[in-house]
């Protein structure tokens, strides 16, 4: 997606060889027009998959998921990282390691919101090591739902996240694929 790549180059900040900050337009302050284009791009790719739910993880994936769900006319379900006092339902659980937070979270989704009848599209802002994608995949499998694929806004190819998922198991569609952040320069693949 050319508009996204232009924004990464103009407004993204490379902190080091592994960290790209896009908080001025994607996951802290949000450019709604860009987000709408991202949702449309995911819809265009996955429109024939029979999607019934969009699944993401809190917090930065929620905006992307909502923009995408608008096009599919389906609900968004997000995995929580922390239990709530109102969490009284049975839940699907998966442990995921956060590269940016440097800790493991147990993500959870109420069994009320994912069922074997669902066809799920996983959506997230970044794919780095693949741990979040694997955790969300585990939750879809626990629900015995069908996994249509994953829509990723920015994939850091050099961190191997796509390889963490078995080849061919998931249609991973990334809008911007970054080959390198060395010397604070974004190089797209």
N, C-alpha and C. Protein backbone atom coordinates (compact mmCIF):
# COMPACT_ATOMS: atom_id res chain seq x y z
N UNK A 1 0.85 -1.17 0.00
CA UNK A 1 0.00 0.00 0.00
C UNK A 1 0.90 1.24 0.00
N UNK A 2 0.91 1.93 -1.09
CA UNK A 2 1.83 3.05 -1.29
C UNK A 2 1.66 4.18 -0.27
N UNK A 3 0.42 4.53 0.04
CA UNK A 3 0.19 5.61 0.99
C UNK A 3 0.78 5.26 2.36
N UNK A 4 0.62 4.03 2.79
CA UNK A 4 1.19 3.58 4.06
C UNK A 4 2.71 3.67 4.03
N UNK A 5 3.33 3.20 2.98
CA UNK A 5 4.79 3.25 2.87
C UNK A 5 5.30 4.69 2.90
N UNK A 6 4.59 5.59 2.22
CA UNK A 6 4.98 7.00 2.25
C UNK A 6 4.92 7.56 3.66
N UNK A 7 3.88 7.19 4.41
CA UNK A 7 3.75 7.67 5.78
C UNK A 7 4.83 7.10 6.68
N UNK A 8 5.18 5.84 6.46
CA UNK A 8 6.26 5.25 7.24
C UNK A 8 7.55 6.03 7.00
N UNK A 9 7.83 6.34 5.75
CA UNK A 9 9.06 7.07 5.41
C UNK A 9 9.03 8.51 5.91
N UNK A 10 7.88 9.16 5.84
CA UNK A 10 7.82 10.57 6.24
C UNK A 10 7.63 10.78 7.74
N UNK A 11 6.84 9.92 8.38
CA UNK A 11 6.48 10.16 9.78
C UNK A 11 6.91 9.06 10.75
N UNK A 12 7.35 7.92 10.23
CA UNK A 12 7.83 6.86 11.11
C UNK A 12 9.18 7.26 11.69
N UNK A 13 9.46 6.75 12.88
CA UNK A 13 10.75 7.03 13.52
C UNK A 13 11.43 5.72 13.84
N UNK A 14 12.61 5.54 13.29
CA UNK A 14 13.39 4.33 13.55
C UNK A 14 14.22 4.60 14.80
N UNK A 15 13.97 3.83 15.85
CA UNK A 15 14.69 4.02 17.10
C UNK A 15 15.99 3.23 17.14
N UNK A 16 15.95 2.04 16.53
CA UNK A 16 17.15 1.21 16.46
C UNK A 16 16.92 0.17 15.36
N UNK A 17 17.78 -0.82 15.28
CA UNK A 17 17.70 -1.82 14.21
C UNK A 17 16.45 -2.69 14.26
N UNK A 18 15.68 -2.60 15.35
CA UNK A 18 14.50 -3.46 15.51
C UNK A 18 13.19 -2.72 15.77
N UNK A 19 13.27 -1.42 16.07
CA UNK A 19 12.07 -0.71 16.50
C UNK A 19 11.74 0.45 15.55
N UNK A 20 10.53 0.40 15.00
CA UNK A 20 9.96 1.46 14.18
C UNK A 20 8.75 2.01 14.91
N UNK A 21 8.75 3.30 15.19
CA UNK A 21 7.60 3.94 15.84
C UNK A 21 6.73 4.58 14.77
N UNK A 22 5.46 4.24 14.81
CA UNK A 22 4.47 4.81 13.90
C UNK A 22 3.32 5.41 14.71
N UNK A 23 3.68 5.91 15.88
CA UNK A 23 2.66 6.40 16.80
C UNK A 23 2.03 7.71 16.37
N UNK A 24 2.60 8.40 15.38
CA UNK A 24 2.00 9.67 14.94
C UNK A 24 0.86 9.47 13.96
N UNK A 25 0.67 8.22 13.46
CA UNK A 25 -0.42 7.99 12.50
C UNK A 25 -1.12 6.65 12.62
N UNK A 26 -0.59 5.70 13.40
CA UNK A 26 -1.19 4.37 13.43
C UNK A 26 -1.62 3.87 14.80
N UNK A 27 -0.79 4.05 15.82
CA UNK A 27 -1.15 3.38 17.07
C UNK A 27 -1.05 4.23 18.35
N UNK A 28 -1.02 5.52 18.21
CA UNK A 28 -1.18 6.40 19.38
C UNK A 28 -2.06 7.57 18.95
N UNK A 29 -1.58 8.30 17.96
CA UNK A 29 -2.42 9.23 17.21
C UNK A 29 -2.77 8.50 15.92
N UNK A 30 -4.03 8.57 15.51
CA UNK A 30 -4.47 7.76 14.37
C UNK A 30 -4.95 8.63 13.23
N UNK A 31 -4.40 8.38 12.04
CA UNK A 31 -4.87 9.02 10.81
C UNK A 31 -6.04 8.17 10.32
N UNK A 32 -7.25 8.66 10.51
CA UNK A 32 -8.44 7.88 10.24
C UNK A 32 -8.60 7.59 8.74
N UNK A 33 -8.22 8.54 7.90
CA UNK A 33 -8.31 8.31 6.45
C UNK A 33 -7.35 7.19 6.03
N UNK A 34 -6.14 7.21 6.56
CA UNK A 34 -5.19 6.13 6.26
C UNK A 34 -5.72 4.80 6.79
N UNK A 35 -6.27 4.83 7.99
CA UNK A 35 -6.82 3.62 8.60
C UNK A 35 -7.96 3.05 7.75
N UNK A 36 -8.77 3.93 7.20
CA UNK A 36 -9.86 3.49 6.33
C UNK A 36 -9.30 2.78 5.09
N UNK A 37 -8.23 3.33 4.53
CA UNK A 37 -7.59 2.68 3.38
C UNK A 37 -7.01 1.32 3.73
N UNK A 38 -6.48 1.19 4.94
CA UNK A 38 -5.94 -0.08 5.41
C UNK A 38 -7.07 -1.11 5.52
N UNK A 39 -8.18 -0.71 6.13
CA UNK A 39 -9.33 -1.61 6.25
C UNK A 39 -9.83 -2.05 4.89
N UNK A 40 -9.88 -1.15 3.94
CA UNK A 40 -10.33 -1.46 2.58
C UNK A 40 -9.37 -2.43 1.89
N UNK A 41 -8.07 -2.23 2.09
CA UNK A 41 -7.07 -3.12 1.49
C UNK A 41 -7.23 -4.55 2.03
N UNK A 42 -7.48 -4.69 3.33
CA UNK A 42 -7.70 -6.02 3.90
C UNK A 42 -9.00 -6.63 3.36
N UNK A 43 -10.02 -5.81 3.24
CA UNK A 43 -11.28 -6.30 2.68
C UNK A 43 -11.08 -6.77 1.24
N UNK A 44 -10.39 -5.98 0.44
CA UNK A 44 -10.16 -6.36 -0.96
C UNK A 44 -9.44 -7.70 -1.07
N UNK A 45 -8.51 -7.97 -0.17
CA UNK A 45 -7.75 -9.23 -0.22
C UNK A 45 -8.56 -10.42 0.29
N UNK A 46 -9.34 -10.22 1.35
CA UNK A 46 -10.00 -11.35 2.03
C UNK A 46 -11.51 -11.39 1.78
N UNK A 47 -12.04 -10.60 0.89
CA UNK A 47 -13.50 -10.47 0.73
C UNK A 47 -14.21 -11.77 0.40
N UNK A 48 -13.56 -12.71 -0.25
CA UNK A 48 -14.21 -13.96 -0.66
C UNK A 48 -14.01 -15.11 0.33
N UNK A 49 -13.51 -14.82 1.52
CA UNK A 49 -13.21 -15.86 2.50
C UNK A 49 -14.37 -16.17 3.44
N UNK A 50 -15.47 -15.43 3.36
CA UNK A 50 -16.61 -15.69 4.24
C UNK A 50 -16.37 -15.29 5.68
N UNK A 51 -15.67 -14.20 5.90
CA UNK A 51 -15.30 -13.73 7.24
C UNK A 51 -16.56 -13.42 8.06
N UNK A 52 -16.60 -13.96 9.29
CA UNK A 52 -17.71 -13.65 10.19
C UNK A 52 -17.26 -12.89 11.44
N UNK A 53 -15.95 -12.89 11.72
CA UNK A 53 -15.40 -12.16 12.88
C UNK A 53 -14.00 -11.66 12.52
N UNK A 54 -13.66 -10.50 13.07
CA UNK A 54 -12.30 -9.97 13.01
C UNK A 54 -11.74 -10.11 14.42
N UNK A 55 -10.55 -10.70 14.54
CA UNK A 55 -9.91 -10.92 15.84
C UNK A 55 -8.58 -10.18 15.89
N UNK A 56 -8.37 -9.48 17.01
CA UNK A 56 -7.11 -8.78 17.24
C UNK A 56 -6.77 -8.87 18.72
N UNK A 57 -5.71 -8.20 19.10
CA UNK A 57 -5.31 -8.15 20.51
C UNK A 57 -5.30 -6.69 20.94
N UNK A 58 -5.65 -6.45 22.22
CA UNK A 58 -5.61 -5.06 22.68
C UNK A 58 -4.16 -4.60 22.77
N UNK A 59 -3.85 -3.39 22.58
CA UNK A 59 -4.74 -2.27 22.34
C UNK A 59 -4.57 -1.75 20.91
N UNK A 60 -3.35 -1.73 20.40
CA UNK A 60 -3.12 -1.06 19.12
C UNK A 60 -3.75 -1.76 17.92
N UNK A 61 -4.14 -3.01 18.05
CA UNK A 61 -4.79 -3.69 16.94
C UNK A 61 -6.26 -3.34 16.80
N UNK A 62 -6.85 -2.76 17.82
CA UNK A 62 -8.30 -2.52 17.82
C UNK A 62 -8.73 -1.54 16.73
N UNK A 63 -8.00 -0.44 16.58
CA UNK A 63 -8.39 0.55 15.57
C UNK A 63 -8.34 -0.06 14.17
N UNK A 64 -7.29 -0.81 13.88
CA UNK A 64 -7.16 -1.45 12.56
C UNK A 64 -8.28 -2.47 12.37
N UNK A 65 -8.58 -3.23 13.40
CA UNK A 65 -9.65 -4.23 13.32
C UNK A 65 -11.00 -3.57 13.07
N UNK A 66 -11.28 -2.47 13.75
CA UNK A 66 -12.57 -1.78 13.57
C UNK A 66 -12.69 -1.23 12.17
N UNK A 67 -11.63 -0.65 11.65
CA UNK A 67 -11.65 -0.13 10.29
C UNK A 67 -11.91 -1.25 9.28
N UNK A 68 -11.30 -2.39 9.51
CA UNK A 68 -11.48 -3.55 8.63
C UNK A 68 -12.89 -4.11 8.74
N UNK A 69 -13.39 -4.23 9.96
CA UNK A 69 -14.72 -4.79 10.19
C UNK A 69 -15.82 -3.96 9.54
N UNK A 70 -15.60 -2.68 9.41
CA UNK A 70 -16.57 -1.81 8.73
C UNK A 70 -16.86 -2.32 7.33
N UNK A 71 -15.85 -2.77 6.64
CA UNK A 71 -16.01 -3.25 5.26
C UNK A 71 -16.66 -4.63 5.21
N UNK A 72 -16.36 -5.46 6.17
CA UNK A 72 -16.93 -6.81 6.19
C UNK A 72 -18.32 -6.84 6.84
N UNK A 73 -18.67 -5.80 7.58
CA UNK A 73 -19.94 -5.74 8.31
C UNK A 73 -20.05 -6.90 9.30
N UNK A 74 -18.97 -7.09 10.05
CA UNK A 74 -18.91 -8.14 11.07
C UNK A 74 -18.36 -7.55 12.37
N UNK A 75 -18.55 -8.25 13.48
CA UNK A 75 -18.03 -7.76 14.77
C UNK A 75 -16.51 -7.92 14.88
N UNK A 76 -15.95 -7.10 15.76
CA UNK A 76 -14.55 -7.21 16.16
C UNK A 76 -14.52 -7.88 17.53
N UNK A 77 -13.65 -8.84 17.68
CA UNK A 77 -13.37 -9.46 18.97
C UNK A 77 -11.91 -9.18 19.27
N UNK A 78 -11.63 -8.67 20.49
CA UNK A 78 -10.22 -8.47 20.81
C UNK A 78 -9.85 -9.28 22.04
N UNK A 79 -8.65 -9.83 21.95
CA UNK A 79 -8.10 -10.60 23.07
C UNK A 79 -7.59 -9.61 24.11
N UNK A 80 -7.99 -9.85 25.33
CA UNK A 80 -7.54 -9.01 26.44
C UNK A 80 -6.19 -9.52 26.94
N UNK A 81 -5.38 -8.57 27.43
CA UNK A 81 -4.09 -8.92 28.02
C UNK A 81 -4.18 -9.01 29.54
N UNK A 82 -5.21 -8.40 30.10
CA UNK A 82 -5.38 -8.45 31.55
C UNK A 82 -6.83 -8.79 31.86
N UNK A 83 -7.04 -9.63 32.85
CA UNK A 83 -8.42 -9.99 33.20
C UNK A 83 -9.16 -8.79 33.79
N UNK A 84 -10.44 -8.78 33.57
CA UNK A 84 -11.31 -7.74 34.12
C UNK A 84 -12.14 -8.36 35.24
N UNK A 85 -12.59 -7.53 36.17
CA UNK A 85 -13.45 -8.05 37.25
C UNK A 85 -14.77 -8.54 36.69
N UNK A 86 -15.12 -8.10 35.47
CA UNK A 86 -16.36 -8.56 34.85
C UNK A 86 -16.16 -9.81 34.00
N UNK A 87 -14.93 -10.33 33.95
CA UNK A 87 -14.65 -11.53 33.16
C UNK A 87 -15.10 -12.76 33.93
N UNK A 88 -16.34 -13.14 33.70
CA UNK A 88 -16.90 -14.29 34.41
C UNK A 88 -17.13 -15.48 33.48
N UNK A 89 -16.97 -15.27 32.18
CA UNK A 89 -17.19 -16.33 31.20
C UNK A 89 -15.99 -17.26 31.10
N UNK A 90 -16.25 -18.45 30.58
CA UNK A 90 -15.14 -19.32 30.21
C UNK A 90 -14.38 -18.64 29.08
N UNK A 91 -13.07 -18.85 29.06
CA UNK A 91 -12.25 -18.14 28.09
C UNK A 91 -11.26 -19.06 27.40
N UNK A 92 -10.94 -18.69 26.16
CA UNK A 92 -9.83 -19.29 25.45
C UNK A 92 -8.59 -18.50 25.87
N UNK A 93 -7.48 -19.20 26.10
CA UNK A 93 -6.26 -18.56 26.60
C UNK A 93 -5.06 -18.95 25.74
N UNK A 94 -4.12 -18.02 25.61
CA UNK A 94 -2.85 -18.32 24.96
C UNK A 94 -1.79 -17.38 25.53
N UNK A 95 -0.59 -17.88 25.72
CA UNK A 95 0.52 -17.05 26.18
C UNK A 95 1.24 -16.48 24.97
N UNK A 96 1.55 -15.18 25.04
CA UNK A 96 2.29 -14.51 23.97
C UNK A 96 3.37 -13.64 24.57
N UNK A 97 4.52 -13.63 23.93
CA UNK A 97 5.62 -12.78 24.35
C UNK A 97 5.57 -11.49 23.54
N UNK A 98 5.60 -10.36 24.21
CA UNK A 98 5.59 -9.06 23.56
C UNK A 98 7.02 -8.57 23.39
N UNK A 99 7.42 -8.37 22.14
CA UNK A 99 8.76 -7.87 21.84
C UNK A 99 8.95 -6.47 22.39
N UNK A 100 7.94 -5.62 22.25
CA UNK A 100 8.08 -4.23 22.70
C UNK A 100 7.97 -4.08 24.21
N UNK A 101 7.19 -4.93 24.87
CA UNK A 101 7.04 -4.84 26.32
C UNK A 101 8.03 -5.73 27.07
N UNK A 102 8.68 -6.64 26.35
CA UNK A 102 9.67 -7.56 26.93
C UNK A 102 9.08 -8.39 28.06
N UNK A 103 7.85 -8.87 27.84
CA UNK A 103 7.23 -9.75 28.83
C UNK A 103 6.18 -10.63 28.17
N UNK A 104 5.80 -11.68 28.87
CA UNK A 104 4.78 -12.60 28.38
C UNK A 104 3.43 -12.23 28.98
N UNK A 105 2.43 -12.22 28.11
CA UNK A 105 1.05 -11.96 28.52
C UNK A 105 0.23 -13.21 28.25
N UNK A 106 -0.77 -13.45 29.07
CA UNK A 106 -1.78 -14.44 28.74
C UNK A 106 -2.93 -13.67 28.13
N UNK A 107 -3.18 -13.91 26.84
CA UNK A 107 -4.31 -13.25 26.19
C UNK A 107 -5.54 -14.13 26.33
N UNK A 108 -6.70 -13.49 26.37
CA UNK A 108 -7.93 -14.25 26.62
C UNK A 108 -9.08 -13.69 25.80
N UNK A 109 -9.94 -14.60 25.35
CA UNK A 109 -11.15 -14.25 24.62
C UNK A 109 -12.29 -15.08 25.20
N UNK A 110 -13.39 -14.43 25.47
CA UNK A 110 -14.56 -15.13 25.99
C UNK A 110 -15.06 -16.16 24.97
N UNK A 111 -15.39 -17.32 25.46
CA UNK A 111 -15.92 -18.39 24.59
C UNK A 111 -17.27 -18.00 23.98
N UNK A 112 -17.91 -16.97 24.52
CA UNK A 112 -19.18 -16.51 23.96
C UNK A 112 -19.01 -15.86 22.59
N UNK A 113 -17.78 -15.36 22.30
CA UNK A 113 -17.59 -14.54 21.11
C UNK A 113 -16.90 -15.23 19.95
N UNK A 114 -16.38 -16.42 20.15
CA UNK A 114 -15.81 -17.22 19.05
C UNK A 114 -16.37 -18.62 19.15
N UNK A 115 -16.92 -19.11 18.04
CA UNK A 115 -17.54 -20.43 18.03
C UNK A 115 -17.06 -21.22 16.81
N UNK A 116 -17.35 -22.51 16.78
CA UNK A 116 -16.98 -23.32 15.61
C UNK A 116 -17.64 -22.85 14.31
N UNK A 117 -18.69 -22.05 14.41
CA UNK A 117 -19.36 -21.54 13.21
C UNK A 117 -18.64 -20.36 12.56
N UNK A 118 -17.66 -19.78 13.26
CA UNK A 118 -17.00 -18.57 12.79
C UNK A 118 -15.87 -18.84 11.81
N UNK A 119 -15.73 -17.90 10.87
CA UNK A 119 -14.56 -17.82 10.01
C UNK A 119 -13.88 -16.51 10.38
N UNK A 120 -12.65 -16.62 10.87
CA UNK A 120 -11.98 -15.52 11.54
C UNK A 120 -10.84 -14.96 10.70
N UNK A 121 -10.78 -13.63 10.64
CA UNK A 121 -9.64 -12.92 10.09
C UNK A 121 -8.92 -12.25 11.25
N UNK A 122 -7.66 -12.60 11.43
CA UNK A 122 -6.82 -11.97 12.46
C UNK A 122 -6.24 -10.70 11.84
N UNK A 123 -6.28 -9.61 12.59
CA UNK A 123 -5.74 -8.33 12.12
C UNK A 123 -4.86 -7.75 13.22
N UNK A 124 -3.68 -7.22 12.81
CA UNK A 124 -2.81 -6.57 13.79
C UNK A 124 -1.97 -5.50 13.12
N UNK A 125 -1.44 -4.59 13.93
CA UNK A 125 -0.65 -3.49 13.37
C UNK A 125 0.74 -3.94 12.95
N UNK A 126 1.38 -4.80 13.72
CA UNK A 126 2.74 -5.26 13.40
C UNK A 126 2.83 -6.78 13.43
N UNK A 127 3.72 -7.31 12.61
CA UNK A 127 4.17 -8.70 12.70
C UNK A 127 5.67 -8.63 12.84
N UNK A 128 6.18 -9.06 13.98
CA UNK A 128 7.62 -9.05 14.24
C UNK A 128 8.08 -10.49 14.43
N UNK A 129 8.08 -10.96 15.67
CA UNK A 129 8.52 -12.33 15.95
C UNK A 129 7.43 -13.36 15.70
N UNK A 130 6.19 -12.91 15.57
CA UNK A 130 5.08 -13.81 15.27
C UNK A 130 4.36 -14.36 16.49
N UNK A 131 4.77 -13.96 17.67
CA UNK A 131 4.19 -14.52 18.89
C UNK A 131 2.71 -14.17 19.06
N UNK A 132 2.34 -12.93 18.75
CA UNK A 132 0.93 -12.54 18.88
C UNK A 132 0.10 -13.29 17.85
N UNK A 133 0.59 -13.38 16.63
CA UNK A 133 -0.13 -14.11 15.58
C UNK A 133 -0.32 -15.57 15.97
N UNK A 134 0.72 -16.18 16.51
CA UNK A 134 0.61 -17.58 16.96
C UNK A 134 -0.40 -17.71 18.10
N UNK A 135 -0.38 -16.77 19.04
CA UNK A 135 -1.33 -16.82 20.16
C UNK A 135 -2.77 -16.67 19.69
N UNK A 136 -3.01 -15.74 18.78
CA UNK A 136 -4.36 -15.56 18.26
C UNK A 136 -4.80 -16.77 17.45
N UNK A 137 -3.86 -17.37 16.73
CA UNK A 137 -4.14 -18.60 15.98
C UNK A 137 -4.55 -19.73 16.92
N UNK A 138 -3.85 -19.85 18.05
CA UNK A 138 -4.19 -20.87 19.04
C UNK A 138 -5.61 -20.67 19.57
N UNK A 139 -5.98 -19.43 19.79
CA UNK A 139 -7.33 -19.14 20.28
C UNK A 139 -8.37 -19.53 19.24
N UNK A 140 -8.12 -19.22 17.98
CA UNK A 140 -9.06 -19.61 16.91
C UNK A 140 -9.19 -21.13 16.87
N UNK A 141 -8.07 -21.84 16.99
CA UNK A 141 -8.11 -23.32 16.98
C UNK A 141 -8.84 -23.87 18.21
N UNK A 142 -8.63 -23.25 19.38
CA UNK A 142 -9.35 -23.68 20.58
C UNK A 142 -10.86 -23.55 20.39
N UNK A 143 -11.27 -22.50 19.68
CA UNK A 143 -12.70 -22.27 19.43
C UNK A 143 -13.23 -23.19 18.34
N UNK A 144 -12.35 -23.94 17.70
CA UNK A 144 -12.69 -24.80 16.56
C UNK A 144 -13.33 -23.99 15.44
N UNK A 145 -12.92 -22.73 15.35
CA UNK A 145 -13.37 -21.85 14.27
C UNK A 145 -12.42 -22.03 13.08
N UNK A 146 -12.80 -21.48 11.95
CA UNK A 146 -11.94 -21.51 10.76
C UNK A 146 -11.10 -20.24 10.74
N UNK A 147 -9.83 -20.39 10.41
CA UNK A 147 -8.92 -19.26 10.30
C UNK A 147 -8.74 -18.91 8.83
N UNK A 148 -9.25 -17.75 8.44
CA UNK A 148 -9.17 -17.33 7.04
C UNK A 148 -7.78 -16.81 6.70
N UNK A 149 -7.16 -16.11 7.63
CA UNK A 149 -5.86 -15.53 7.38
C UNK A 149 -5.57 -14.42 8.36
N UNK A 150 -4.50 -13.66 8.04
CA UNK A 150 -4.08 -12.56 8.90
C UNK A 150 -3.78 -11.35 8.05
N UNK A 151 -4.35 -10.22 8.42
CA UNK A 151 -4.05 -8.94 7.79
C UNK A 151 -3.11 -8.18 8.70
N UNK A 152 -1.92 -7.89 8.20
CA UNK A 152 -0.89 -7.22 8.98
C UNK A 152 -0.58 -5.87 8.33
N UNK A 153 -0.57 -4.82 9.12
CA UNK A 153 -0.27 -3.50 8.56
C UNK A 153 1.20 -3.42 8.20
N UNK A 154 2.10 -3.70 9.16
CA UNK A 154 3.54 -3.61 8.93
C UNK A 154 4.20 -4.90 9.38
N UNK A 155 4.89 -5.55 8.46
CA UNK A 155 5.63 -6.78 8.78
C UNK A 155 7.12 -6.45 8.77
N UNK A 156 7.78 -6.74 9.90
CA UNK A 156 9.24 -6.61 9.96
C UNK A 156 9.80 -7.98 9.58
N UNK A 157 10.02 -8.17 8.29
CA UNK A 157 10.41 -9.45 7.73
C UNK A 157 11.66 -10.01 8.41
N UNK A 158 12.60 -9.14 8.72
CA UNK A 158 13.89 -9.56 9.30
C UNK A 158 13.76 -10.16 10.70
N UNK A 159 12.59 -10.06 11.33
CA UNK A 159 12.40 -10.65 12.64
C UNK A 159 11.74 -12.02 12.58
N UNK A 160 11.42 -12.49 11.38
CA UNK A 160 11.00 -13.88 11.18
C UNK A 160 9.62 -14.28 11.63
N UNK A 161 8.74 -13.34 11.88
CA UNK A 161 7.41 -13.66 12.38
C UNK A 161 6.60 -14.56 11.47
N UNK A 162 6.71 -14.32 10.18
CA UNK A 162 5.94 -15.14 9.23
C UNK A 162 6.45 -16.59 9.23
N UNK A 163 7.75 -16.75 9.47
CA UNK A 163 8.34 -18.10 9.52
C UNK A 163 7.89 -18.85 10.78
N UNK A 164 7.50 -18.10 11.81
CA UNK A 164 7.04 -18.74 13.05
C UNK A 164 5.74 -19.49 12.84
N UNK A 165 5.01 -19.08 11.83
CA UNK A 165 3.76 -19.73 11.47
C UNK A 165 4.08 -20.77 10.42
N UNK A 166 3.54 -21.96 10.57
CA UNK A 166 3.81 -23.02 9.60
C UNK A 166 3.48 -22.57 8.19
N UNK A 167 4.37 -22.90 7.25
CA UNK A 167 4.16 -22.52 5.85
C UNK A 167 2.81 -22.99 5.36
N UNK A 168 2.07 -22.05 4.78
CA UNK A 168 0.79 -22.38 4.17
C UNK A 168 -0.36 -22.49 5.14
N UNK A 169 -0.10 -22.47 6.45
CA UNK A 169 -1.18 -22.60 7.43
C UNK A 169 -2.07 -21.36 7.44
N UNK A 170 -1.44 -20.21 7.23
CA UNK A 170 -2.18 -18.96 7.29
C UNK A 170 -1.82 -18.10 6.07
N UNK A 171 -2.83 -17.53 5.46
CA UNK A 171 -2.62 -16.53 4.41
C UNK A 171 -2.29 -15.23 5.13
N UNK A 172 -1.01 -14.89 5.21
CA UNK A 172 -0.57 -13.67 5.86
C UNK A 172 -0.41 -12.60 4.78
N UNK A 173 -1.23 -11.56 4.87
CA UNK A 173 -1.22 -10.47 3.91
C UNK A 173 -0.73 -9.21 4.61
N UNK A 174 0.47 -8.78 4.27
CA UNK A 174 1.08 -7.60 4.89
C UNK A 174 1.08 -6.44 3.91
N UNK A 175 0.70 -5.27 4.38
CA UNK A 175 0.60 -4.09 3.53
C UNK A 175 1.94 -3.40 3.31
N UNK A 176 2.81 -3.45 4.31
CA UNK A 176 4.17 -2.89 4.19
C UNK A 176 5.13 -3.91 4.78
N UNK A 177 6.05 -4.39 3.96
CA UNK A 177 7.03 -5.39 4.41
C UNK A 177 8.39 -4.73 4.50
N UNK A 178 8.93 -4.70 5.71
CA UNK A 178 10.21 -4.03 5.94
C UNK A 178 11.32 -5.07 6.02
N UNK A 179 12.33 -4.90 5.17
CA UNK A 179 13.46 -5.82 5.12
C UNK A 179 14.52 -5.45 6.15
N UNK A 180 14.64 -4.16 6.45
CA UNK A 180 15.71 -3.73 7.36
C UNK A 180 15.39 -2.36 7.94
N UNK A 181 15.91 -2.14 9.15
CA UNK A 181 15.88 -0.83 9.81
C UNK A 181 17.30 -0.40 10.18
N UNK A 182 18.30 -1.05 9.61
CA UNK A 182 19.71 -0.78 9.97
C UNK A 182 20.07 0.67 9.65
N UNK A 183 20.92 1.22 10.52
CA UNK A 183 21.39 2.60 10.40
C UNK A 183 20.22 3.61 10.37
N UNK A 184 19.11 3.21 11.01
CA UNK A 184 17.91 4.06 11.12
C UNK A 184 17.32 4.41 9.76
N UNK A 185 17.45 3.47 8.80
CA UNK A 185 16.90 3.65 7.47
C UNK A 185 15.89 2.53 7.21
N UNK A 186 14.68 2.90 6.80
CA UNK A 186 13.66 1.92 6.46
C UNK A 186 13.91 1.42 5.04
N UNK A 187 14.07 0.09 4.92
CA UNK A 187 14.22 -0.53 3.60
C UNK A 187 13.08 -1.50 3.43
N UNK A 188 12.24 -1.24 2.40
CA UNK A 188 11.10 -2.12 2.14
C UNK A 188 11.54 -3.29 1.29
N UNK A 189 10.85 -4.41 1.50
CA UNK A 189 11.13 -5.62 0.70
C UNK A 189 10.28 -5.57 -0.54
